[in-house]
Amino acid sequence: FFVHSVLAIDAKDKQLLGCLGQEPFVREPAPEKETKAERKTRWRESLIWEQSIERIGPVPAGTQWIYVGDRGSDIFRFWQRCQQLGYDFVTRVAHNRNVVVEEEEEQEDPTVEHLKTLARSLPSQGGSVLIVPAERGRPQREALVTISWSQVTIQPPVDATALHQTGMKVSLVRVWEPEPPEGGEALEWILVTSVTVNTREDAWQRVMWYKWRWLIEDFHKVLKTGCLLEDRCLQTVEAFCNLLGILTPTAMRLLWLRQTAQMAPDTPATEVISKDVIQVVLSLDKRPKATLTASDLWHTIARFGGYLDRKSDPPPGWQTLWQGWMYVQTVLVGVHLARQFPPS
């Protein structure tokens, strides 16, 4: 089973707002020797992005919603559906599509180029340092990258999967690392966005939006390594979906706690969690009159799960945070139960 999740964050300050939607599905290989007509009549995994925004609904008037997706959402039909429902988008490119450069559109015979080839031919228009997060044993590092951008019109695919055969005007942004570390893979992101890029500041803002997509990876990591969603011995799809519905709010709460602790560590804990939880945490930590910040709360709960919290230790991981959280919740259940008994 796989699950497609859509998180909402405020583009002004990266504040996590919640989970807008989830769709569990089973990955199925395409049938052999399938015709185009047969392909159009069956459900395909590529439709999952389109279905997600249809279930969320159209964008309310006077607001801007920007759908940020990795290479899996490089789907022309999905972009068209975004336009119909009022969404903007930022997508990392997977396919080397046919494009026409904006300046050549008015020509009688405009030149059709390939998107990736064009992006890699654009001259540098500025540089910056990006933090590349740790992943799969690879440590976090700094990368000196350069940026370029252009306005293009993407041509519709020839496989008849598009909603209509009209080209789409987008901004193309490329970020790359000219001098990668020895033995390391060079960083390169080629993005397309419906939000027009006119200046260097615009281009870096679109890159920042794409970087925030990493929150969805953290969210799924909470579900898998923290809440242990994959380790449950369930017998039916219905039970799996019910468990997902129970664990998703918990995963969101833990992700919100960590994000607040990292971005605004001095935030009062009362703005992050209920007073009952805070009282239990303080009692278990034997300092009932202390005032907790979001950072204090994050580390204290993780210590209950086995985190040592030494100065040289990295930040708490999801497993210790989950175990500490479950310990606190178990004690909290006892507190609520004790309140139902008359005083002895």
Protein backbone atom coordinates (compact mmCIF):
# COMPACT_ATOMS: atom_id res chain seq x y z
CA PHE A 1 0.00 0.00 0.00
CA PHE A 2 0.99 3.59 -0.64
CA VAL A 3 -0.55 6.80 0.64
CA HIS A 4 -0.64 10.15 -1.12
CA SER A 5 -0.77 12.98 1.44
CA VAL A 6 -1.32 16.71 0.96
CA LEU A 7 -0.08 19.03 3.72
CA ALA A 8 -0.90 22.73 4.01
CA ILE A 9 1.61 25.36 5.11
CA ASP A 10 1.55 29.15 5.14
CA ALA A 11 3.85 30.40 2.37
CA LYS A 12 4.67 33.53 4.36
CA ASP A 13 6.35 31.84 7.32
CA LYS A 14 6.36 28.06 6.63
CA GLN A 15 3.84 27.54 9.45
CA LEU A 16 2.38 24.04 9.25
CA LEU A 17 -1.43 24.27 9.06
CA GLY A 18 -2.52 20.64 8.78
CA CYS A 19 -3.27 17.72 6.47
CA LEU A 20 -5.69 18.62 3.65
CA GLY A 21 -6.14 15.12 2.29
CA GLN A 22 -4.90 11.54 2.05
CA GLU A 23 -5.47 8.83 -0.50
CA PRO A 24 -4.31 5.23 0.12
CA PHE A 25 -3.78 3.19 -3.06
CA VAL A 26 -2.16 0.02 -4.39
CA ARG A 27 0.50 0.30 -7.10
CA GLU A 28 -0.41 -1.89 -10.06
CA PRO A 29 1.76 -2.49 -13.15
CA ALA A 30 0.31 -1.46 -16.50
CA PRO A 31 -1.14 -4.37 -18.52
CA GLU A 32 1.02 -5.67 -21.35
CA LYS A 33 0.11 -4.63 -24.92
CA GLU A 34 -2.40 -2.10 -23.67
CA THR A 35 -4.00 0.17 -26.26
CA LYS A 36 -4.45 3.92 -25.77
CA ALA A 37 -8.21 3.44 -25.56
CA GLU A 38 -7.85 0.79 -22.86
CA ARG A 39 -5.41 2.96 -20.91
CA LYS A 40 -7.86 5.88 -20.87
CA THR A 41 -10.63 3.74 -19.36
CA ARG A 42 -8.74 2.31 -16.37
CA TRP A 43 -7.55 4.02 -13.19
CA ARG A 44 -3.89 5.05 -13.34
CA GLU A 45 -1.58 6.10 -10.53
CA SER A 46 -0.83 9.33 -12.40
CA LEU A 47 -4.41 10.44 -11.64
CA ILE A 48 -3.75 10.53 -7.88
CA TRP A 49 -2.56 14.16 -7.98
CA GLU A 50 -5.55 15.26 -10.02
CA GLN A 51 -7.94 13.45 -7.68
CA SER A 52 -6.31 15.04 -4.62
CA ILE A 53 -7.15 18.59 -5.71
CA GLU A 54 -10.62 17.57 -6.88
CA ARG A 55 -11.37 16.22 -3.40
CA ILE A 56 -9.92 19.31 -1.71
CA GLY A 57 -12.00 21.48 -4.01
CA PRO A 58 -11.52 24.75 -5.93
CA VAL A 59 -9.43 27.56 -4.48
CA PRO A 60 -11.57 30.14 -2.60
CA ALA A 61 -11.86 33.57 -4.21
CA GLY A 62 -9.25 36.10 -3.13
CA THR A 63 -6.68 33.47 -2.06
CA GLN A 64 -3.68 31.79 -3.69
CA TRP A 65 -2.95 28.11 -3.21
CA ILE A 66 0.28 26.72 -4.66
CA TYR A 67 0.60 22.97 -5.11
CA VAL A 68 4.24 21.94 -4.64
CA GLY A 69 5.16 18.54 -6.01
CA ASP A 70 8.18 16.36 -6.73
CA ARG A 71 8.87 14.65 -10.06
CA GLY A 72 5.86 12.36 -9.70
CA SER A 73 3.56 15.35 -10.27
CA ASP A 74 5.19 16.25 -13.61
CA ILE A 75 1.90 15.52 -15.37
CA PHE A 76 0.53 17.89 -18.00
CA ARG A 77 -3.08 16.86 -17.37
CA PHE A 78 -2.63 17.56 -13.62
CA TRP A 79 -1.34 21.07 -14.39
CA GLN A 80 -4.38 21.69 -16.57
CA ARG A 81 -6.68 20.55 -13.76
CA CYS A 82 -4.84 22.93 -11.40
CA GLN A 83 -5.63 25.80 -13.76
CA GLN A 84 -9.29 24.80 -13.94
CA LEU A 85 -9.65 24.72 -10.14
CA GLY A 86 -7.61 27.90 -9.52
CA TYR A 87 -4.38 26.34 -8.18
CA ASP A 88 -0.87 27.50 -8.97
CA PHE A 89 1.90 24.92 -8.94
CA VAL A 90 5.63 24.37 -8.53
CA THR A 91 6.80 21.01 -9.89
CA ARG A 92 10.21 19.42 -10.23
CA VAL A 93 10.70 18.28 -13.81
CA ALA A 94 10.87 14.60 -14.72
CA HIS A 95 10.13 14.63 -18.46
CA ASN A 96 12.11 16.37 -21.21
CA ARG A 97 9.02 17.96 -22.77
CA ASN A 98 8.75 20.03 -25.92
CA VAL A 99 8.72 23.78 -25.20
CA VAL A 100 8.71 27.07 -27.08
CA VAL A 101 10.64 30.01 -25.61
CA GLU A 102 8.41 33.03 -24.92
CA GLU A 103 10.39 35.36 -27.21
CA GLU A 104 9.92 33.00 -30.15
CA GLU A 105 6.17 32.47 -29.80
CA GLU A 106 5.36 35.42 -32.05
CA GLN A 107 7.61 34.13 -34.81
CA GLU A 108 6.06 32.52 -37.83
CA ASP A 109 7.98 29.28 -37.24
CA PRO A 110 9.01 29.24 -33.55
CA THR A 111 11.74 26.82 -32.54
CA VAL A 112 10.58 23.83 -30.48
CA GLU A 113 13.18 22.79 -27.91
CA HIS A 114 13.41 20.21 -25.15
CA LEU A 115 12.77 21.51 -21.66
CA LYS A 116 15.77 20.02 -19.83
CA THR A 117 18.12 20.81 -22.69
CA LEU A 118 16.94 24.42 -22.72
CA ALA A 119 17.19 24.74 -18.92
CA ARG A 120 20.80 23.52 -18.95
CA SER A 121 21.71 26.00 -21.67
CA LEU A 122 20.54 29.06 -19.73
CA PRO A 123 23.32 31.29 -18.33
CA SER A 124 23.75 31.77 -14.59
CA GLN A 125 21.79 34.71 -13.18
CA GLY A 126 22.92 34.57 -9.54
CA GLY A 127 24.27 32.32 -6.81
CA SER A 128 23.55 31.34 -3.22
CA VAL A 129 24.27 28.70 -0.57
CA LEU A 130 21.66 25.99 0.09
CA ILE A 131 21.56 23.54 2.99
CA VAL A 132 21.23 19.99 1.68
CA PRO A 133 19.55 17.91 4.43
CA ALA A 134 20.94 14.58 5.61
CA GLU A 135 19.49 11.56 3.84
CA ARG A 136 20.16 7.78 3.86
CA GLY A 137 23.48 8.01 5.63
CA ARG A 138 24.56 11.13 3.78
CA PRO A 139 25.39 13.96 6.20
CA GLN A 140 23.91 17.44 5.91
CA ARG A 141 26.06 19.80 3.87
CA GLU A 142 26.18 23.25 2.31
CA ALA A 143 26.02 23.58 -1.46
CA LEU A 144 27.09 26.65 -3.48
CA VAL A 145 24.52 26.79 -6.28
CA THR A 146 23.66 29.06 -9.19
CA ILE A 147 20.24 29.87 -10.67
CA SER A 148 18.71 30.71 -14.04
CA TRP A 149 15.18 31.11 -15.36
CA SER A 150 13.13 31.69 -18.50
CA GLN A 151 9.52 31.95 -19.67
CA VAL A 152 8.40 29.06 -21.88
CA THR A 153 5.27 27.47 -23.30
CA ILE A 154 5.08 23.71 -22.70
CA GLN A 155 3.52 21.81 -25.57
CA PRO A 156 0.79 19.25 -24.77
CA PRO A 157 1.78 15.56 -24.89
CA VAL A 158 1.02 13.56 -28.01
CA ASP A 159 -0.46 10.59 -26.12
CA ALA A 160 -3.95 12.20 -25.93
CA THR A 161 -3.95 12.21 -22.10
CA ALA A 162 -4.26 16.01 -21.83
CA LEU A 163 -7.63 17.58 -21.06
CA HIS A 164 -7.19 19.82 -24.12
CA GLN A 165 -4.43 20.30 -26.69
CA THR A 166 -3.40 23.83 -25.74
CA GLY A 167 0.12 24.87 -24.76
CA MET A 168 0.75 26.08 -21.21
CA LYS A 169 2.79 29.18 -20.34
CA VAL A 170 5.05 28.61 -17.32
CA SER A 171 8.28 29.85 -15.80
CA LEU A 172 11.26 27.51 -15.95
CA VAL A 173 13.79 27.68 -13.07
CA ARG A 174 17.02 25.74 -12.81
CA VAL A 175 19.25 25.52 -9.71
CA TRP A 176 22.50 23.59 -9.99
CA GLU A 177 25.81 23.00 -8.27
CA PRO A 178 28.72 23.75 -10.64
CA GLU A 179 31.35 22.24 -8.34
CA PRO A 180 29.97 19.29 -6.35
CA PRO A 181 32.01 17.72 -3.53
CA GLU A 182 34.49 15.07 -4.57
CA GLY A 183 32.71 11.75 -4.93
CA GLY A 184 29.33 13.39 -4.31
CA GLU A 185 26.36 13.90 -6.60
CA ALA A 186 25.84 17.42 -7.93
CA LEU A 187 22.64 19.13 -6.82
CA GLU A 188 20.27 20.04 -9.67
CA TRP A 189 16.64 21.06 -9.55
CA ILE A 190 14.75 21.95 -12.71
CA LEU A 191 11.38 23.42 -11.77
CA VAL A 192 8.34 24.61 -13.69
CA THR A 193 5.86 26.97 -12.04
CA SER A 194 2.67 28.74 -13.02
CA VAL A 195 3.69 31.67 -10.77
CA THR A 196 5.56 34.03 -13.10
CA VAL A 197 9.26 34.59 -12.43
CA ASN A 198 10.51 38.06 -13.42
CA THR A 199 13.40 38.71 -11.02
CA ARG A 200 16.14 36.88 -9.14
CA GLU A 201 14.11 37.26 -5.92
CA ASP A 202 11.12 35.61 -7.62
CA ALA A 203 13.27 32.69 -8.75
CA TRP A 204 14.76 32.07 -5.29
CA GLN A 205 11.30 32.28 -3.75
CA ARG A 206 10.05 29.47 -6.02
CA VAL A 207 13.09 27.42 -5.03
CA MET A 208 12.31 28.05 -1.36
CA TRP A 209 8.75 26.82 -1.89
CA TYR A 210 10.10 23.64 -3.44
CA LYS A 211 12.51 23.13 -0.52
CA TRP A 212 9.54 23.24 1.86
CA ARG A 213 8.19 20.13 0.14
CA TRP A 214 10.59 18.21 2.40
CA LEU A 215 7.99 18.53 5.17
CA ILE A 216 5.95 15.81 3.46
CA GLU A 217 8.94 13.47 3.69
CA ASP A 218 9.23 14.22 7.40
CA PHE A 219 5.50 13.62 7.83
CA HIS A 220 5.69 10.19 6.21
CA LYS A 221 8.82 9.42 8.25
CA VAL A 222 6.84 10.15 11.43
CA LEU A 223 4.14 7.75 10.29
CA LYS A 224 6.63 4.98 9.44
CA THR A 225 9.53 5.25 11.90
CA GLY A 226 7.69 7.02 14.71
CA CYS A 227 4.11 5.79 14.66
CA LEU A 228 5.25 2.47 13.10
CA LEU A 229 2.35 2.40 10.65
CA GLU A 230 4.00 -0.31 8.53
CA ASP A 231 4.63 -2.64 11.48
CA ARG A 232 1.00 -3.11 12.50
CA CYS A 233 -0.43 -6.58 11.99
CA LEU A 234 -3.71 -5.65 10.31
CA GLN A 235 -5.88 -8.02 8.30
CA THR A 236 -8.07 -5.73 6.18
CA VAL A 237 -7.80 -2.59 4.08
CA GLU A 238 -10.54 -1.01 6.18
CA ALA A 239 -8.53 -1.52 9.36
CA PHE A 240 -5.46 -0.01 7.69
CA CYS A 241 -7.42 3.09 6.65
CA ASN A 242 -8.89 3.44 10.14
CA LEU A 243 -5.41 3.24 11.67
CA LEU A 244 -4.14 5.82 9.18
CA GLY A 245 -6.99 8.12 10.26
CA ILE A 246 -5.97 7.69 13.91
CA LEU A 247 -2.23 8.09 13.45
CA THR A 248 -2.29 11.01 10.99
CA PRO A 249 -3.40 13.63 13.59
CA THR A 250 -0.76 12.29 16.01
CA ALA A 251 1.95 12.49 13.34
CA MET A 252 0.83 16.03 12.48
CA ARG A 253 1.01 17.01 16.16
CA LEU A 254 4.55 15.64 16.55
CA LEU A 255 5.69 17.26 13.29
CA TRP A 256 4.18 20.57 14.42
CA LEU A 257 5.92 20.27 17.80
CA ARG A 258 9.31 19.66 16.18
CA GLN A 259 8.86 22.39 13.58
CA THR A 260 7.88 24.96 16.22
CA ALA A 261 10.77 23.90 18.46
CA GLN A 262 13.22 24.38 15.59
CA MET A 263 11.82 27.55 14.02
CA ALA A 264 10.56 29.35 17.14
CA PRO A 265 12.14 27.55 20.14
CA ASP A 266 11.01 30.14 22.70
CA THR A 267 7.32 29.72 21.84
CA PRO A 268 5.37 28.94 25.06
CA ALA A 269 4.53 25.24 25.20
CA THR A 270 0.90 26.18 25.94
CA GLU A 271 0.63 27.37 22.31
CA VAL A 272 1.69 23.95 21.04
CA ILE A 273 0.03 21.40 23.30
CA SER A 274 -2.81 21.15 25.82
CA LYS A 275 -2.32 22.15 29.46
CA ASP A 276 -3.09 18.60 30.62
CA VAL A 277 -0.17 17.24 28.61
CA ILE A 278 2.14 19.96 29.91
CA GLN A 279 1.17 19.21 33.52
CA VAL A 280 1.88 15.50 33.00
CA VAL A 281 5.25 16.25 31.37
CA LEU A 282 6.28 18.56 34.23
CA SER A 283 5.15 16.08 36.88
CA LEU A 284 7.02 13.20 35.26
CA ASP A 285 10.10 15.41 34.93
CA LYS A 286 9.82 16.36 38.63
CA ARG A 287 9.63 20.13 38.08
CA PRO A 288 5.92 20.91 38.44
CA LYS A 289 6.34 24.71 38.62
CA ALA A 290 8.64 25.17 35.61
CA THR A 291 7.62 27.09 32.49
CA LEU A 292 8.19 25.14 29.30
CA THR A 293 9.04 26.45 25.85
CA ALA A 294 8.40 24.48 22.67
CA SER A 295 12.07 23.44 22.59
CA ASP A 296 11.97 22.30 26.25
CA LEU A 297 8.82 20.29 25.57
CA TRP A 298 10.31 18.61 22.48
CA HIS A 299 13.46 17.51 24.29
CA THR A 300 11.70 16.49 27.52
CA ILE A 301 9.17 14.24 25.75
CA ALA A 302 12.01 12.67 23.73
CA ARG A 303 13.94 11.97 26.96
CA PHE A 304 10.99 9.91 28.21
CA GLY A 305 11.51 7.79 25.05
CA GLY A 306 15.22 7.21 25.61
CA TYR A 307 16.82 10.36 24.17
CA LEU A 308 19.96 11.19 26.21
CA ASP A 309 19.89 14.95 25.47
CA ARG A 310 23.61 15.50 25.82
CA LYS A 311 25.22 18.62 24.37
CA SER A 312 26.96 16.56 21.70
CA ASP A 313 23.81 14.64 20.69
CA PRO A 314 21.95 15.41 17.45
CA PRO A 315 18.29 16.57 17.72
CA PRO A 316 15.76 13.98 18.92
CA GLY A 317 14.66 11.41 16.34
CA TRP A 318 11.13 10.27 15.59
CA GLN A 319 11.41 6.95 17.43
CA THR A 320 12.39 8.46 20.79
CA LEU A 321 9.81 11.24 20.34
CA TRP A 322 7.06 8.72 19.57
CA GLN A 323 7.95 6.47 22.52
CA GLY A 324 8.06 9.46 24.85
CA TRP A 325 4.75 10.74 23.48
CA MET A 326 3.05 7.36 24.02
CA TYR A 327 4.39 7.25 27.60
CA VAL A 328 2.95 10.71 28.29
CA GLN A 329 -0.38 9.75 26.69
CA THR A 330 -0.58 6.55 28.76
CA VAL A 331 -0.04 8.51 31.98
CA LEU A 332 -2.59 11.08 30.81
CA VAL A 333 -5.20 8.33 30.35
CA GLY A 334 -4.54 7.32 33.98
CA VAL A 335 -4.97 10.93 35.12
CA HIS A 336 -8.33 11.22 33.33
CA LEU A 337 -9.43 7.87 34.73
CA ALA A 338 -8.44 8.85 38.27
CA ARG A 339 -10.62 11.97 38.05
CA GLN A 340 -13.68 9.76 37.66
CA PHE A 341 -13.15 8.10 41.06
CA PRO A 342 -14.41 9.76 44.22
CA PRO A 343 -11.73 10.99 46.67
CA SER A 344 -10.61 8.19 49.02
